[in-house]
Every structure is written in structure tokens, then in C-alpha cells.
Amino acid sequence: MSLVPFEVKSEELEDGIRTFTVRGELDMGTAPDLERELEPALADSGASIMLDLSECEFIDSTGIALIVRAWRQLEQGDGRLVLCSPNLQVRRLLEITGVDSSIPVHEQRDAALAELRG
């Protein structure tokens, strides 16, 4: 069990990019919290979203499924999703599941934001 409480912080940047910073463990118990935060942004089919997993310690299959659903929903419109994760364990899971072959993953927040702005 994580000692870091789960938390999602959202922010809309001046250029319209929406960021969601996940802290703690993204799992079956916490994924609904992230989903609630994402829903308004996902309703905009042209949204540019960065999911910052820098403070995320662990993701289970429920968290992976949520990320993939969000990406698919954005891809149906003109929206885009990028991930930021310097955590080796989280990045490895994204590689093993093949998520990184569809959704861009960056180690640095600035690189993820640059991709959305480019």
C-alpha cells in the first residue's frame, strides 16, 4: 500500500493545453477519481491533454485501460494525449502493455508540452 495519498491536480495552461498531474497509485480504487477529473476535458473533442505521471508510483491494468480509453476518445476527434513519466517502473509498464507505441511518452514535462504545442 502506498504511503502517498492519491491526488489529481488539473490545470489549464494559457495555450489551452490541459494538464492532469497524478500522485500516488493509479489503480482500481483510484482510477474513478482520475476519470471524473478527465471527463470535462474529454468532452472537448479537440482537447490537448498531458497526463503527468511524474509522481505516480504504480499503475495497474485499470489505470492503463483508463489512459487508453481517454486516448481513443481524443483520437476520434482532433484531440491529443501525451504522457509524462520519468518513473522507470511506470514507463516499463507502458512499454510492456504497448501503450507507448500509440501514446507519446516523455520523461520530461517540457518535452511532453512541446509535443502538444508542435
PDB file of N, CA and C in Angstrom:
ATOM      1  N   MET A   1       0.837  -1.182   0.000  1.00  0.00           N
ATOM      2  CA  MET A   1       0.000   0.000   0.000  1.00  0.00           C
ATOM      3  C   MET A   1       0.883   1.247   0.000  1.00  0.00           C
ATOM      4  N   SER A   2       0.485   2.217  -0.795  1.00  0.00           N
ATOM      5  CA  SER A   2       1.252   3.448  -0.929  1.00  0.00           C
ATOM      6  C   SER A   2       1.105   4.333   0.301  1.00  0.00           C
ATOM      7  N   LEU A   3       2.200   4.962   0.692  1.00  0.00           N
ATOM      8  CA  LEU A   3       2.155   5.941   1.761  1.00  0.00           C
ATOM      9  C   LEU A   3       1.765   7.314   1.228  1.00  0.00           C
ATOM     10  N   VAL A   4       1.847   7.483  -0.086  1.00  0.00           N
ATOM     11  CA  VAL A   4       1.490   8.745  -0.719  1.00  0.00           C
ATOM     12  C   VAL A   4       0.013   8.695  -1.077  1.00  0.00           C
ATOM     13  N   PRO A   5      -0.795   9.622  -0.564  1.00  0.00           N
ATOM     14  CA  PRO A   5      -2.221   9.600  -0.889  1.00  0.00           C
ATOM     15  C   PRO A   5      -2.455   9.939  -2.356  1.00  0.00           C
ATOM     16  N   PHE A   6      -3.478   9.313  -2.948  1.00  0.00           N
ATOM     17  CA  PHE A   6      -3.798   9.572  -4.342  1.00  0.00           C
ATOM     18  C   PHE A   6      -4.361  10.978  -4.481  1.00  0.00           C
ATOM     19  N   GLU A   7      -3.915  11.647  -5.529  1.00  0.00           N
ATOM     20  CA  GLU A   7      -4.377  13.004  -5.778  1.00  0.00           C
ATOM     21  C   GLU A   7      -4.255  13.297  -7.274  1.00  0.00           C
ATOM     22  N   VAL A   8      -5.181  14.063  -7.795  1.00  0.00           N
ATOM     23  CA  VAL A   8      -5.117  14.537  -9.174  1.00  0.00           C
ATOM     24  C   VAL A   8      -5.233  16.051  -9.133  1.00  0.00           C
ATOM     25  N   LYS A   9      -4.266  16.712  -9.751  1.00  0.00           N
ATOM     26  CA  LYS A   9      -4.317  18.170  -9.878  1.00  0.00           C
ATOM     27  C   LYS A   9      -4.481  18.491 -11.348  1.00  0.00           C
ATOM     28  N   SER A  10      -5.450  19.330 -11.658  1.00  0.00           N
ATOM     29  CA  SER A  10      -5.644  19.715 -13.058  1.00  0.00           C
ATOM     30  C   SER A  10      -5.369  21.203 -13.225  1.00  0.00           C
ATOM     31  N   GLU A  11      -4.927  21.530 -14.425  1.00  0.00           N
ATOM     32  CA  GLU A  11      -4.584  22.917 -14.724  1.00  0.00           C
ATOM     33  C   GLU A  11      -4.812  23.139 -16.214  1.00  0.00           C
ATOM     34  N   GLU A  12      -5.338  24.312 -16.547  1.00  0.00           N
ATOM     35  CA  GLU A  12      -5.446  24.688 -17.958  1.00  0.00           C
ATOM     36  C   GLU A  12      -4.426  25.784 -18.216  1.00  0.00           C
ATOM     37  N   LEU A  13      -3.522  25.503 -19.145  1.00  0.00           N
ATOM     38  CA  LEU A  13      -2.466  26.451 -19.468  1.00  0.00           C
ATOM     39  C   LEU A  13      -2.992  27.524 -20.414  1.00  0.00           C
ATOM     40  N   GLU A  14      -2.248  28.609 -20.554  1.00  0.00           N
ATOM     41  CA  GLU A  14      -2.670  29.741 -21.378  1.00  0.00           C
ATOM     42  C   GLU A  14      -2.978  29.353 -22.813  1.00  0.00           C
ATOM     43  N   ASP A  15      -2.265  28.363 -23.346  1.00  0.00           N
ATOM     44  CA  ASP A  15      -2.472  27.967 -24.741  1.00  0.00           C
ATOM     45  C   ASP A  15      -3.561  26.903 -24.905  1.00  0.00           C
ATOM     46  N   GLY A  16      -4.340  26.661 -23.847  1.00  0.00           N
ATOM     47  CA  GLY A  16      -5.462  25.739 -23.931  1.00  0.00           C
ATOM     48  C   GLY A  16      -5.136  24.294 -23.603  1.00  0.00           C
ATOM     49  N   ILE A  17      -3.868  23.999 -23.382  1.00  0.00           N
ATOM     50  CA  ILE A  17      -3.487  22.637 -23.004  1.00  0.00           C
ATOM     51  C   ILE A  17      -3.960  22.372 -21.582  1.00  0.00           C
ATOM     52  N   ARG A  18      -4.522  21.204 -21.386  1.00  0.00           N
ATOM     53  CA  ARG A  18      -4.960  20.813 -20.039  1.00  0.00           C
ATOM     54  C   ARG A  18      -3.992  19.777 -19.493  1.00  0.00           C
ATOM     55  N   THR A  19      -3.531  20.010 -18.282  1.00  0.00           N
ATOM     56  CA  THR A  19      -2.621  19.056 -17.650  1.00  0.00           C
ATOM     57  C   THR A  19      -3.302  18.422 -16.453  1.00  0.00           C
ATOM     58  N   PHE A  20      -3.006  17.157 -16.253  1.00  0.00           N
ATOM     59  CA  PHE A  20      -3.515  16.405 -15.102  1.00  0.00           C
ATOM     60  C   PHE A  20      -2.325  15.712 -14.474  1.00  0.00           C
ATOM     61  N   THR A  21      -2.015  16.086 -13.246  1.00  0.00           N
ATOM     62  CA  THR A  21      -0.884  15.506 -12.526  1.00  0.00           C
ATOM     63  C   THR A  21      -1.409  14.473 -11.548  1.00  0.00           C
ATOM     64  N   VAL A  22      -0.933  13.239 -11.701  1.00  0.00           N
ATOM     65  CA  VAL A  22      -1.375  12.123 -10.868  1.00  0.00           C
ATOM     66  C   VAL A  22      -0.305  11.845  -9.821  1.00  0.00           C
ATOM     67  N   ARG A  23      -0.731  11.759  -8.569  1.00  0.00           N
ATOM     68  CA  ARG A  23       0.186  11.482  -7.463  1.00  0.00           C
ATOM     69  C   ARG A  23      -0.301  10.231  -6.733  1.00  0.00           C
ATOM     70  N   GLY A  24       0.612   9.336  -6.415  1.00  0.00           N
ATOM     71  CA  GLY A  24       0.247   8.109  -5.700  1.00  0.00           C
ATOM     72  C   GLY A  24       0.098   6.941  -6.661  1.00  0.00           C
ATOM     73  N   GLU A  25      -0.842   6.056  -6.360  1.00  0.00           N
ATOM     74  CA  GLU A  25      -1.053   4.855  -7.162  1.00  0.00           C
ATOM     75  C   GLU A  25      -2.339   4.976  -7.973  1.00  0.00           C
ATOM     76  N   LEU A  26      -2.226   4.714  -9.270  1.00  0.00           N
ATOM     77  CA  LEU A  26      -3.392   4.715 -10.151  1.00  0.00           C
ATOM     78  C   LEU A  26      -3.818   3.269 -10.329  1.00  0.00           C
ATOM     79  N   ASP A  27      -4.882   2.905  -9.625  1.00  0.00           N
ATOM     80  CA  ASP A  27      -5.324   1.517  -9.631  1.00  0.00           C
ATOM     81  C   ASP A  27      -6.850   1.454  -9.631  1.00  0.00           C
ATOM     82  N   MET A  28      -7.381   0.257  -9.427  1.00  0.00           N
ATOM     83  CA  MET A  28      -8.819   0.045  -9.459  1.00  0.00           C
ATOM     84  C   MET A  28      -9.557   0.969  -8.481  1.00  0.00           C
ATOM     85  N   GLY A  29      -8.962   1.247  -7.362  1.00  0.00           N
ATOM     86  CA  GLY A  29      -9.612   2.094  -6.364  1.00  0.00           C
ATOM     87  C   GLY A  29      -9.552   3.577  -6.667  1.00  0.00           C
ATOM     88  N   THR A  30      -8.535   4.011  -7.398  1.00  0.00           N
ATOM     89  CA  THR A  30      -8.347   5.445  -7.631  1.00  0.00           C
ATOM     90  C   THR A  30      -8.655   5.882  -9.070  1.00  0.00           C
ATOM     91  N   ALA A  31      -8.706   4.951 -10.008  1.00  0.00           N
ATOM     92  CA  ALA A  31      -8.969   5.301 -11.411  1.00  0.00           C
ATOM     93  C   ALA A  31     -10.275   6.090 -11.580  1.00  0.00           C
ATOM     94  N   PRO A  32     -11.355   5.753 -10.843  1.00  0.00           N
ATOM     95  CA  PRO A  32     -12.581   6.552 -10.996  1.00  0.00           C
ATOM     96  C   PRO A  32     -12.381   8.034 -10.640  1.00  0.00           C
ATOM     97  N   ASP A  33     -11.485   8.317  -9.702  1.00  0.00           N
ATOM     98  CA  ASP A  33     -11.205   9.712  -9.343  1.00  0.00           C
ATOM     99  C   ASP A  33     -10.565  10.444 -10.516  1.00  0.00           C
ATOM    100  N   LEU A  34      -9.598   9.796 -11.168  1.00  0.00           N
ATOM    101  CA  LEU A  34      -8.964  10.405 -12.326  1.00  0.00           C
ATOM    102  C   LEU A  34      -9.972  10.545 -13.468  1.00  0.00           C
ATOM    103  N   GLU A  35     -10.786   9.533 -13.661  1.00  0.00           N
ATOM    104  CA  GLU A  35     -11.773   9.575 -14.737  1.00  0.00           C
ATOM    105  C   GLU A  35     -12.729  10.760 -14.564  1.00  0.00           C
ATOM    106  N   ARG A  36     -13.177  11.007 -13.329  1.00  0.00           N
ATOM    107  CA  ARG A  36     -14.053  12.148 -13.051  1.00  0.00           C
ATOM    108  C   ARG A  36     -13.377  13.470 -13.408  1.00  0.00           C
ATOM    109  N   GLU A  37     -12.088  13.563 -13.097  1.00  0.00           N
ATOM    110  CA  GLU A  37     -11.344  14.789 -13.412  1.00  0.00           C
ATOM    111  C   GLU A  37     -11.189  14.970 -14.921  1.00  0.00           C
ATOM    112  N   LEU A  38     -10.974  13.870 -15.636  1.00  0.00           N
ATOM    113  CA  LEU A  38     -10.746  13.925 -17.079  1.00  0.00           C
ATOM    114  C   LEU A  38     -12.010  14.178 -17.893  1.00  0.00           C
ATOM    115  N   GLU A  39     -13.161  13.742 -17.398  1.00  0.00           N
ATOM    116  CA  GLU A  39     -14.397  13.783 -18.187  1.00  0.00           C
ATOM    117  C   GLU A  39     -14.693  15.130 -18.844  1.00  0.00           C
ATOM    118  N   PRO A  40     -14.632  16.252 -18.123  1.00  0.00           N
ATOM    119  CA  PRO A  40     -14.931  17.530 -18.796  1.00  0.00           C
ATOM    120  C   PRO A  40     -13.953  17.833 -19.931  1.00  0.00           C
ATOM    121  N   ALA A  41     -12.692  17.532 -19.756  1.00  0.00           N
ATOM    122  CA  ALA A  41     -11.694  17.789 -20.801  1.00  0.00           C
ATOM    123  C   ALA A  41     -11.922  16.862 -21.992  1.00  0.00           C
ATOM    124  N   LEU A  42     -12.282  15.615 -21.731  1.00  0.00           N
ATOM    125  CA  LEU A  42     -12.501  14.652 -22.808  1.00  0.00           C
ATOM    126  C   LEU A  42     -13.758  14.974 -23.618  1.00  0.00           C
ATOM    127  N   ALA A  43     -14.671  15.733 -23.028  1.00  0.00           N
ATOM    128  CA  ALA A  43     -15.889  16.130 -23.740  1.00  0.00           C
ATOM    129  C   ALA A  43     -15.566  17.067 -24.897  1.00  0.00           C
ATOM    130  N   ASP A  44     -14.422  17.736 -24.837  1.00  0.00           N
ATOM    131  CA  ASP A  44     -13.949  18.604 -25.911  1.00  0.00           C
ATOM    132  C   ASP A  44     -13.150  17.744 -26.881  1.00  0.00           C
ATOM    133  N   SER A  45     -13.723  17.450 -28.041  1.00  0.00           N
ATOM    134  CA  SER A  45     -13.084  16.514 -28.977  1.00  0.00           C
ATOM    135  C   SER A  45     -11.763  17.029 -29.534  1.00  0.00           C
ATOM    136  N   GLY A  46     -11.477  18.312 -29.355  1.00  0.00           N
ATOM    137  CA  GLY A  46     -10.226  18.869 -29.846  1.00  0.00           C
ATOM    138  C   GLY A  46      -9.229  19.164 -28.743  1.00  0.00           C
ATOM    139  N   ALA A  47      -9.455  18.609 -27.573  1.00  0.00           N
ATOM    140  CA  ALA A  47      -8.609  18.912 -26.408  1.00  0.00           C
ATOM    141  C   ALA A  47      -7.185  18.394 -26.575  1.00  0.00           C
ATOM    142  N   SER A  48      -6.250  19.161 -26.037  1.00  0.00           N
ATOM    143  CA  SER A  48      -4.859  18.726 -25.925  1.00  0.00           C
ATOM    144  C   SER A  48      -4.604  18.484 -24.445  1.00  0.00           C
ATOM    145  N   ILE A  49      -4.298  17.227 -24.108  1.00  0.00           N
ATOM    146  CA  ILE A  49      -4.175  16.832 -22.700  1.00  0.00           C
ATOM    147  C   ILE A  49      -2.818  16.197 -22.445  1.00  0.00           C
ATOM    148  N   MET A  50      -2.188  16.641 -21.362  1.00  0.00           N
ATOM    149  CA  MET A  50      -0.980  15.983 -20.889  1.00  0.00           C
ATOM    150  C   MET A  50      -1.307  15.337 -19.546  1.00  0.00           C
ATOM    151  N   LEU A  51      -1.051  14.047 -19.466  1.00  0.00           N
ATOM    152  CA  LEU A  51      -1.201  13.315 -18.226  1.00  0.00           C
ATOM    153  C   LEU A  51       0.192  13.177 -17.631  1.00  0.00           C
ATOM    154  N   ASP A  52       0.427  13.894 -16.540  1.00  0.00           N
ATOM    155  CA  ASP A  52       1.737  13.918 -15.902  1.00  0.00           C
ATOM    156  C   ASP A  52       1.781  12.837 -14.824  1.00  0.00           C
ATOM    157  N   LEU A  53       2.552  11.792 -15.087  1.00  0.00           N
ATOM    158  CA  LEU A  53       2.667  10.658 -14.167  1.00  0.00           C
ATOM    159  C   LEU A  53       3.970  10.717 -13.377  1.00  0.00           C
ATOM    160  N   SER A  54       4.576  11.896 -13.296  1.00  0.00           N
ATOM    161  CA  SER A  54       5.857  12.059 -12.604  1.00  0.00           C
ATOM    162  C   SER A  54       5.806  11.620 -11.145  1.00  0.00           C
ATOM    163  N   GLU A  55       4.663  11.843 -10.502  1.00  0.00           N
ATOM    164  CA  GLU A  55       4.521  11.491  -9.087  1.00  0.00           C
ATOM    165  C   GLU A  55       3.687  10.231  -8.893  1.00  0.00           C
ATOM    166  N   CYS A  56       3.400   9.538 -10.003  1.00  0.00           N
ATOM    167  CA  CYS A  56       2.640   8.296  -9.951  1.00  0.00           C
ATOM    168  C   CYS A  56       3.617   7.155  -9.666  1.00  0.00           C
ATOM    169  N   GLU A  57       3.342   6.406  -8.618  1.00  0.00           N
ATOM    170  CA  GLU A  57       4.254   5.342  -8.185  1.00  0.00           C
ATOM    171  C   GLU A  57       3.949   3.992  -8.806  1.00  0.00           C
ATOM    172  N   PHE A  58       2.696   3.811  -9.242  1.00  0.00           N
ATOM    173  CA  PHE A  58       2.255   2.487  -9.697  1.00  0.00           C
ATOM    174  C   PHE A  58       1.002   2.660 -10.540  1.00  0.00           C
ATOM    175  N   ILE A  59       0.872   1.842 -11.576  1.00  0.00           N
ATOM    176  CA  ILE A  59      -0.352   1.798 -12.378  1.00  0.00           C
ATOM    177  C   ILE A  59      -0.725   0.336 -12.568  1.00  0.00           C
ATOM    178  N   ASP A  60      -1.996   0.013 -12.346  1.00  0.00           N
ATOM    179  CA  ASP A  60      -2.449  -1.353 -12.620  1.00  0.00           C
ATOM    180  C   ASP A  60      -3.225  -1.360 -13.942  1.00  0.00           C
ATOM    181  N   SER A  61      -3.806  -2.497 -14.285  1.00  0.00           N
ATOM    182  CA  SER A  61      -4.487  -2.638 -15.569  1.00  0.00           C
ATOM    183  C   SER A  61      -5.683  -1.698 -15.696  1.00  0.00           C
ATOM    184  N   THR A  62      -6.327  -1.368 -14.583  1.00  0.00           N
ATOM    185  CA  THR A  62      -7.456  -0.440 -14.619  1.00  0.00           C
ATOM    186  C   THR A  62      -6.977   0.949 -15.023  1.00  0.00           C
ATOM    187  N   GLY A  63      -5.838   1.365 -14.494  1.00  0.00           N
ATOM    188  CA  GLY A  63      -5.263   2.657 -14.852  1.00  0.00           C
ATOM    189  C   GLY A  63      -4.838   2.693 -16.306  1.00  0.00           C
ATOM    190  N   ILE A  64      -4.217   1.616 -16.775  1.00  0.00           N
ATOM    191  CA  ILE A  64      -3.816   1.525 -18.176  1.00  0.00           C
ATOM    192  C   ILE A  64      -5.047   1.618 -19.073  1.00  0.00           C
ATOM    193  N   ALA A  65      -6.098   0.888 -18.722  1.00  0.00           N
ATOM    194  CA  ALA A  65      -7.333   0.895 -19.520  1.00  0.00           C
ATOM    195  C   ALA A  65      -7.935   2.302 -19.578  1.00  0.00           C
ATOM    196  N   LEU A  66      -7.904   3.021 -18.477  1.00  0.00           N
ATOM    197  CA  LEU A  66      -8.422   4.382 -18.442  1.00  0.00           C
ATOM    198  C   LEU A  66      -7.631   5.295 -19.367  1.00  0.00           C
ATOM    199  N   ILE A  67      -6.324   5.189 -19.342  1.00  0.00           N
ATOM    200  CA  ILE A  67      -5.465   6.003 -20.207  1.00  0.00           C
ATOM    201  C   ILE A  67      -5.758   5.700 -21.675  1.00  0.00           C
ATOM    202  N   VAL A  68      -5.881   4.425 -22.012  1.00  0.00           N
ATOM    203  CA  VAL A  68      -6.158   4.029 -23.397  1.00  0.00           C
ATOM    204  C   VAL A  68      -7.540   4.524 -23.841  1.00  0.00           C
ATOM    205  N   ARG A  69      -8.543   4.419 -22.971  1.00  0.00           N
ATOM    206  CA  ARG A  69      -9.890   4.917 -23.311  1.00  0.00           C
ATOM    207  C   ARG A  69      -9.861   6.422 -23.562  1.00  0.00           C
ATOM    208  N   ALA A  70      -9.152   7.153 -22.719  1.00  0.00           N
ATOM    209  CA  ALA A  70      -9.051   8.609 -22.900  1.00  0.00           C
ATOM    210  C   ALA A  70      -8.384   8.930 -24.231  1.00  0.00           C
ATOM    211  N   TRP A  71      -7.304   8.222 -24.545  1.00  0.00           N
ATOM    212  CA  TRP A  71      -6.592   8.434 -25.806  1.00  0.00           C
ATOM    213  C   TRP A  71      -7.505   8.152 -26.998  1.00  0.00           C
ATOM    214  N   ARG A  72      -8.224   7.039 -26.942  1.00  0.00           N
ATOM    215  CA  ARG A  72      -9.120   6.670 -28.050  1.00  0.00           C
ATOM    216  C   ARG A  72     -10.215   7.720 -28.242  1.00  0.00           C
ATOM    217  N   GLN A  73     -10.759   8.203 -27.143  1.00  0.00           N
ATOM    218  CA  GLN A  73     -11.816   9.207 -27.230  1.00  0.00           C
ATOM    219  C   GLN A  73     -11.285  10.480 -27.886  1.00  0.00           C
ATOM    220  N   LEU A  74     -10.087  10.895 -27.515  1.00  0.00           N
ATOM    221  CA  LEU A  74      -9.490  12.094 -28.111  1.00  0.00           C
ATOM    222  C   LEU A  74      -9.131  11.868 -29.577  1.00  0.00           C
ATOM    223  N   GLU A  75      -8.648  10.675 -29.901  1.00  0.00           N
ATOM    224  CA  GLU A  75      -8.255  10.368 -31.274  1.00  0.00           C
ATOM    225  C   GLU A  75      -9.449  10.354 -32.228  1.00  0.00           C
ATOM    226  N   GLN A  76     -10.650  10.108 -31.712  1.00  0.00           N
ATOM    227  CA  GLN A  76     -11.848  10.117 -32.558  1.00  0.00           C
ATOM    228  C   GLN A  76     -12.153  11.523 -33.055  1.00  0.00           C
ATOM    229  N   GLY A  77     -11.703  12.519 -32.299  1.00  0.00           N
ATOM    230  CA  GLY A  77     -11.860  13.908 -32.722  1.00  0.00           C
ATOM    231  C   GLY A  77     -10.505  14.425 -33.171  1.00  0.00           C
ATOM    232  N   ASP A  78     -10.256  15.676 -32.872  1.00  0.00           N
ATOM    233  CA  ASP A  78      -8.972  16.280 -33.212  1.00  0.00           C
ATOM    234  C   ASP A  78      -8.076  16.405 -31.982  1.00  0.00           C
ATOM    235  N   GLY A  79      -8.432  15.730 -30.904  1.00  0.00           N
ATOM    236  CA  GLY A  79      -7.696  15.857 -29.654  1.00  0.00           C
ATOM    237  C   GLY A  79      -6.422  15.049 -29.630  1.00  0.00           C
ATOM    238  N   ARG A  80      -5.599  15.360 -28.649  1.00  0.00           N
ATOM    239  CA  ARG A  80      -4.323  14.650 -28.490  1.00  0.00           C
ATOM    240  C   ARG A  80      -4.046  14.424 -27.018  1.00  0.00           C
ATOM    241  N   LEU A  81      -3.377  13.308 -26.745  1.00  0.00           N
ATOM    242  CA  LEU A  81      -2.964  12.965 -25.382  1.00  0.00           C
ATOM    243  C   LEU A  81      -1.494  12.593 -25.408  1.00  0.00           C
ATOM    244  N   VAL A  82      -0.737  13.156 -24.484  1.00  0.00           N
ATOM    245  CA  VAL A  82       0.649  12.749 -24.288  1.00  0.00           C
ATOM    246  C   VAL A  82       0.841  12.464 -22.801  1.00  0.00           C
ATOM    247  N   LEU A  83       1.820  11.609 -22.520  1.00  0.00           N
ATOM    248  CA  LEU A  83       2.129  11.233 -21.146  1.00  0.00           C
ATOM    249  C   LEU A  83       3.516  11.723 -20.775  1.00  0.00           C
ATOM    250  N   CYS A  84       3.675  12.059 -19.518  1.00  0.00           N
ATOM    251  CA  CYS A  84       4.981  12.412 -18.974  1.00  0.00           C
ATOM    252  C   CYS A  84       5.252  11.457 -17.819  1.00  0.00           C
ATOM    253  N   SER A  85       6.357  10.718 -17.908  1.00  0.00           N
ATOM    254  CA  SER A  85       6.692   9.796 -16.830  1.00  0.00           C
ATOM    255  C   SER A  85       8.194   9.534 -16.762  1.00  0.00           C
ATOM    256  N   PRO A  86       8.860  10.118 -15.775  1.00  0.00           N
ATOM    257  CA  PRO A  86      10.269   9.804 -15.572  1.00  0.00           C
ATOM    258  C   PRO A  86      10.470   8.510 -14.774  1.00  0.00           C
ATOM    259  N   ASN A  87       9.388   7.986 -14.182  1.00  0.00           N
ATOM    260  CA  ASN A  87       9.450   6.791 -13.341  1.00  0.00           C
ATOM    261  C   ASN A  87       9.709   5.558 -14.210  1.00  0.00           C
ATOM    262  N   LEU A  88      10.841   4.886 -13.981  1.00  0.00           N
ATOM    263  CA  LEU A  88      11.217   3.728 -14.801  1.00  0.00           C
ATOM    264  C   LEU A  88      10.200   2.600 -14.720  1.00  0.00           C
ATOM    265  N   GLN A  89       9.665   2.345 -13.530  1.00  0.00           N
ATOM    266  CA  GLN A  89       8.700   1.256 -13.357  1.00  0.00           C
ATOM    267  C   GLN A  89       7.422   1.544 -14.152  1.00  0.00           C
ATOM    268  N   VAL A  90       6.938   2.772 -14.085  1.00  0.00           N
ATOM    269  CA  VAL A  90       5.727   3.140 -14.818  1.00  0.00           C
ATOM    270  C   VAL A  90       5.981   3.098 -16.323  1.00  0.00           C
ATOM    271  N   ARG A  91       7.122   3.641 -16.763  1.00  0.00           N
ATOM    272  CA  ARG A  91       7.450   3.617 -18.194  1.00  0.00           C
ATOM    273  C   ARG A  91       7.581   2.191 -18.709  1.00  0.00           C
ATOM    274  N   ARG A  92       8.170   1.322 -17.905  1.00  0.00           N
ATOM    275  CA  ARG A  92       8.327  -0.086 -18.301  1.00  0.00           C
ATOM    276  C   ARG A  92       6.957  -0.732 -18.502  1.00  0.00           C
ATOM    277  N   LEU A  93       6.029  -0.444 -17.626  1.00  0.00           N
ATOM    278  CA  LEU A  93       4.670  -0.975 -17.767  1.00  0.00           C
ATOM    279  C   LEU A  93       4.016  -0.443 -19.050  1.00  0.00           C
ATOM    280  N   LEU A  94       4.228   0.833 -19.351  1.00  0.00           N
ATOM    281  CA  LEU A  94       3.681   1.408 -20.579  1.00  0.00           C
ATOM    282  C   LEU A  94       4.292   0.733 -21.810  1.00  0.00           C
ATOM    283  N   GLU A  95       5.562   0.353 -21.720  1.00  0.00           N
ATOM    284  CA  GLU A  95       6.225  -0.365 -22.809  1.00  0.00           C
ATOM    285  C   GLU A  95       5.683  -1.790 -22.940  1.00  0.00           C
ATOM    286  N   ILE A  96       5.599  -2.512 -21.825  1.00  0.00           N
ATOM    287  CA  ILE A  96       5.146  -3.905 -21.831  1.00  0.00           C
ATOM    288  C   ILE A  96       3.738  -4.019 -22.393  1.00  0.00           C
ATOM    289  N   THR A  97       2.872  -3.074 -22.047  1.00  0.00           N
ATOM    290  CA  THR A  97       1.479  -3.113 -22.494  1.00  0.00           C
ATOM    291  C   THR A  97       1.302  -2.548 -23.900  1.00  0.00           C
ATOM    292  N   GLY A  98       2.358  -1.955 -24.456  1.00  0.00           N
ATOM    293  CA  GLY A  98       2.277  -1.400 -25.799  1.00  0.00           C
ATOM    294  C   GLY A  98       1.670  -0.010 -25.867  1.00  0.00           C
ATOM    295  N   VAL A  99       1.340   0.560 -24.728  1.00  0.00           N
ATOM    296  CA  VAL A  99       0.739   1.894 -24.694  1.00  0.00           C
ATOM    297  C   VAL A  99       1.669   2.914 -25.342  1.00  0.00           C
ATOM    298  N   ASP A 100       2.968   2.777 -25.093  1.00  0.00           N
ATOM    299  CA  ASP A 100       3.937   3.749 -25.609  1.00  0.00           C
ATOM    300  C   ASP A 100       4.056   3.718 -27.136  1.00  0.00           C
ATOM    301  N   SER A 101       3.528   2.683 -27.780  1.00  0.00           N
ATOM    302  CA  SER A 101       3.581   2.639 -29.241  1.00  0.00           C
ATOM    303  C   SER A 101       2.445   3.448 -29.864  1.00  0.00           C
ATOM    304  N   SER A 102       1.431   3.790 -29.077  1.00  0.00           N
ATOM    305  CA  SER A 102       0.303   4.587 -29.570  1.00  0.00           C
ATOM    306  C   SER A 102       0.266   5.983 -28.971  1.00  0.00           C
ATOM    307  N   ILE A 103       0.605   6.073 -27.695  1.00  0.00           N
ATOM    308  CA  ILE A 103       0.544   7.348 -26.980  1.00  0.00           C
ATOM    309  C   ILE A 103       1.969   7.810 -26.703  1.00  0.00           C
ATOM    310  N   PRO A 104       2.311   9.033 -27.128  1.00  0.00           N
ATOM    311  CA  PRO A 104       3.666   9.531 -26.854  1.00  0.00           C
ATOM    312  C   PRO A 104       3.944   9.617 -25.351  1.00  0.00           C
ATOM    313  N   VAL A 105       5.115   9.121 -24.952  1.00  0.00           N
ATOM    314  CA  VAL A 105       5.538   9.163 -23.554  1.00  0.00           C
ATOM    315  C   VAL A 105       6.871   9.906 -23.482  1.00  0.00           C
ATOM    316  N   HIS A 106       6.939  10.901 -22.631  1.00  0.00           N
ATOM    317  CA  HIS A 106       8.155  11.692 -22.459  1.00  0.00           C
ATOM    318  C   HIS A 106       8.605  11.629 -21.006  1.00  0.00           C
ATOM    319  N   GLU A 107       9.917  11.672 -20.813  1.00  0.00           N
ATOM    320  CA  GLU A 107      10.458  11.689 -19.451  1.00  0.00           C
ATOM    321  C   GLU A 107      10.296  13.052 -18.796  1.00  0.00           C
ATOM    322  N   GLN A 108      10.337  14.106 -19.596  1.00  0.00           N
ATOM    323  CA  GLN A 108      10.292  15.465 -19.074  1.00  0.00           C
ATOM    324  C   GLN A 108       8.972  16.150 -19.436  1.00  0.00           C
ATOM    325  N   ARG A 109       8.458  16.890 -18.491  1.00  0.00           N
ATOM    326  CA  ARG A 109       7.206  17.634 -18.675  1.00  0.00           C
ATOM    327  C   ARG A 109       7.318  18.606 -19.858  1.00  0.00           C
ATOM    328  N   ASP A 110       8.428  19.322 -19.952  1.00  0.00           N
ATOM    329  CA  ASP A 110       8.605  20.300 -21.026  1.00  0.00           C
ATOM    330  C   ASP A 110       8.540  19.642 -22.396  1.00  0.00           C
ATOM    331  N   ALA A 111       9.108  18.454 -22.531  1.00  0.00           N
ATOM    332  CA  ALA A 111       9.090  17.741 -23.812  1.00  0.00           C
ATOM    333  C   ALA A 111       7.666  17.315 -24.165  1.00  0.00           C
ATOM    334  N   ALA A 112       6.905  16.871 -23.173  1.00  0.00           N
ATOM    335  CA  ALA A 112       5.512  16.463 -23.413  1.00  0.00           C
ATOM    336  C   ALA A 112       4.691  17.668 -23.848  1.00  0.00           C
ATOM    337  N   LEU A 113       4.870  18.795 -23.181  1.00  0.00           N
ATOM    338  CA  LEU A 113       4.134  20.006 -23.554  1.00  0.00           C
ATOM    339  C   LEU A 113       4.548  20.498 -24.939  1.00  0.00           C
ATOM    340  N   ALA A 114       5.834  20.404 -25.250  1.00  0.00           N
ATOM    341  CA  ALA A 114       6.329  20.824 -26.572  1.00  0.00           C
ATOM    342  C   ALA A 114       5.666  20.006 -27.673  1.00  0.00           C
ATOM    343  N   GLU A 115       5.471  18.712 -27.431  1.00  0.00           N
ATOM    344  CA  GLU A 115       4.831  17.877 -28.444  1.00  0.00           C
ATOM    345  C   GLU A 115       3.403  18.342 -28.701  1.00  0.00           C
ATOM    346  N   LEU A 116       2.680  18.704 -27.645  1.00  0.00           N
ATOM    347  CA  LEU A 116       1.306  19.174 -27.811  1.00  0.00           C
ATOM    348  C   LEU A 116       1.261  20.535 -28.522  1.00  0.00           C
ATOM    349  N   ARG A 117       2.277  21.327 -28.306  1.00  0.00           N
ATOM    350  CA  ARG A 117       2.305  22.671 -28.914  1.00  0.00           C
ATOM    351  C   ARG A 117       2.802  22.629 -30.349  1.00  0.00           C
ATOM    352  N   GLY A 118       3.515  21.556 -30.697  1.00  0.00           N
ATOM    353  CA  GLY A 118       4.139  21.468 -32.026  1.00  0.00           C
ATOM    354  C   GLY A 118       3.203  21.138 -33.137  1.00  0.00           C
TER     355      GLY A 118
END
